[in-house]
Amino acid sequence: MTHDEIFARVATVLEETFEIERARIRPEARLYEDLDIDSIDAVDLLVKLKPMLNKPIKPEQFKAVRTVQDVVQALALLIDSPATA
């Protein structure tokens, strides 16, 4: 998957799950400050995005995530990395 495809999927989940206007969902948008995504919402977001991956998501892989672009980059790393048990 390309970064653009991952961004599109993340944006769709944000829009459909959290009713965030598509225009507000930009790569530089901060999850907490700009999009009102709190820690519980972040867990829900990861659950919705998990089908993109063929492996489990570890919460520590998303600790440094602050923006929509950070989410895209973290997912891209997971998608590109070999599956580990």
Protein backbone atom coordinates (compact mmCIF):
# COMPACT_ATOMS: atom_id res chain seq x y z
CA MET A 1 0.00 0.00 0.00
CA THR A 2 1.20 3.51 -0.74
CA HIS A 3 1.17 6.30 1.82
CA ASP A 4 -1.67 7.93 -0.15
CA GLU A 5 -3.75 4.75 0.08
CA ILE A 6 -3.08 4.45 3.80
CA PHE A 7 -3.97 8.12 4.31
CA ALA A 8 -7.22 7.62 2.39
CA ARG A 9 -8.14 4.66 4.61
CA VAL A 10 -7.26 6.53 7.81
CA ALA A 11 -9.25 9.57 6.64
CA THR A 12 -12.28 7.39 5.85
CA VAL A 13 -12.18 5.78 9.29
CA LEU A 14 -11.86 9.17 10.99
CA GLU A 15 -14.73 10.56 8.96
CA GLU A 16 -17.09 7.59 9.37
CA THR A 17 -16.28 6.56 12.93
CA PHE A 18 -15.74 9.93 14.58
CA GLU A 19 -17.83 12.11 12.25
CA ILE A 20 -14.90 14.41 11.51
CA GLU A 21 -15.32 16.62 8.45
CA ARG A 22 -13.11 15.40 5.61
CA ALA A 23 -11.70 18.91 5.11
CA ARG A 24 -10.26 18.85 8.66
CA ILE A 25 -8.38 15.58 8.04
CA ARG A 26 -4.99 16.65 6.73
CA PRO A 27 -1.61 14.96 7.22
CA GLU A 28 -0.47 17.67 9.61
CA ALA A 29 -3.69 17.63 11.67
CA ARG A 30 -2.95 16.78 15.30
CA LEU A 31 -5.18 13.99 16.55
CA TYR A 32 -5.89 15.41 20.00
CA GLU A 33 -5.73 19.15 19.46
CA ASP A 34 -7.19 19.45 15.96
CA LEU A 35 -9.46 16.41 15.63
CA ASP A 36 -10.52 15.84 19.27
CA ILE A 37 -9.30 12.23 19.23
CA ASP A 38 -8.67 11.18 22.84
CA SER A 39 -6.90 8.03 24.03
CA ILE A 40 -10.09 5.93 23.96
CA ASP A 41 -10.83 7.13 20.42
CA ALA A 42 -7.25 6.30 19.44
CA VAL A 43 -7.78 2.69 20.53
CA ASP A 44 -10.99 2.57 18.48
CA LEU A 45 -9.09 3.99 15.51
CA LEU A 46 -6.46 1.25 15.77
CA VAL A 47 -9.15 -1.43 16.00
CA LYS A 48 -10.76 -0.08 12.81
CA LEU A 49 -7.40 0.04 11.02
CA LYS A 50 -6.23 -3.40 12.12
CA PRO A 51 -7.77 -5.19 9.09
CA MET A 52 -5.18 -3.38 6.93
CA LEU A 53 -2.50 -5.45 8.61
CA ASN A 54 -1.86 -9.16 8.67
CA LYS A 55 -0.38 -8.98 12.15
CA PRO A 56 -1.28 -7.69 15.59
CA ILE A 57 -0.86 -4.03 16.47
CA LYS A 58 1.13 -3.31 19.60
CA PRO A 59 0.08 -0.11 21.41
CA GLU A 60 3.73 0.91 21.93
CA GLN A 61 4.10 1.15 18.15
CA PHE A 62 1.72 4.12 18.29
CA LYS A 63 2.95 5.91 21.43
CA ALA A 64 4.74 8.63 19.47
CA VAL A 65 1.80 9.21 17.10
CA ARG A 66 0.56 12.80 17.27
CA THR A 67 -0.67 13.65 13.77
CA VAL A 68 -2.57 11.94 10.98
CA GLN A 69 0.74 11.65 9.10
CA ASP A 70 2.28 9.89 12.12
CA VAL A 71 -0.52 7.30 11.94
CA VAL A 72 0.10 6.82 8.21
CA GLN A 73 3.85 6.37 8.75
CA ALA A 74 3.38 3.93 11.63
CA LEU A 75 0.96 1.85 9.57
CA ALA A 76 3.28 1.93 6.56
CA LEU A 77 6.12 0.58 8.69
CA LEU A 78 3.90 -2.21 9.98
CA ILE A 79 2.60 -3.09 6.53
CA ASP A 80 6.12 -3.18 5.09
CA SER A 81 7.73 -5.07 7.96
CA PRO A 82 7.81 -8.86 8.03
CA ALA A 83 5.31 -10.53 10.32
CA THR A 84 6.67 -11.30 13.75
CA ALA A 85 5.10 -13.46 16.42
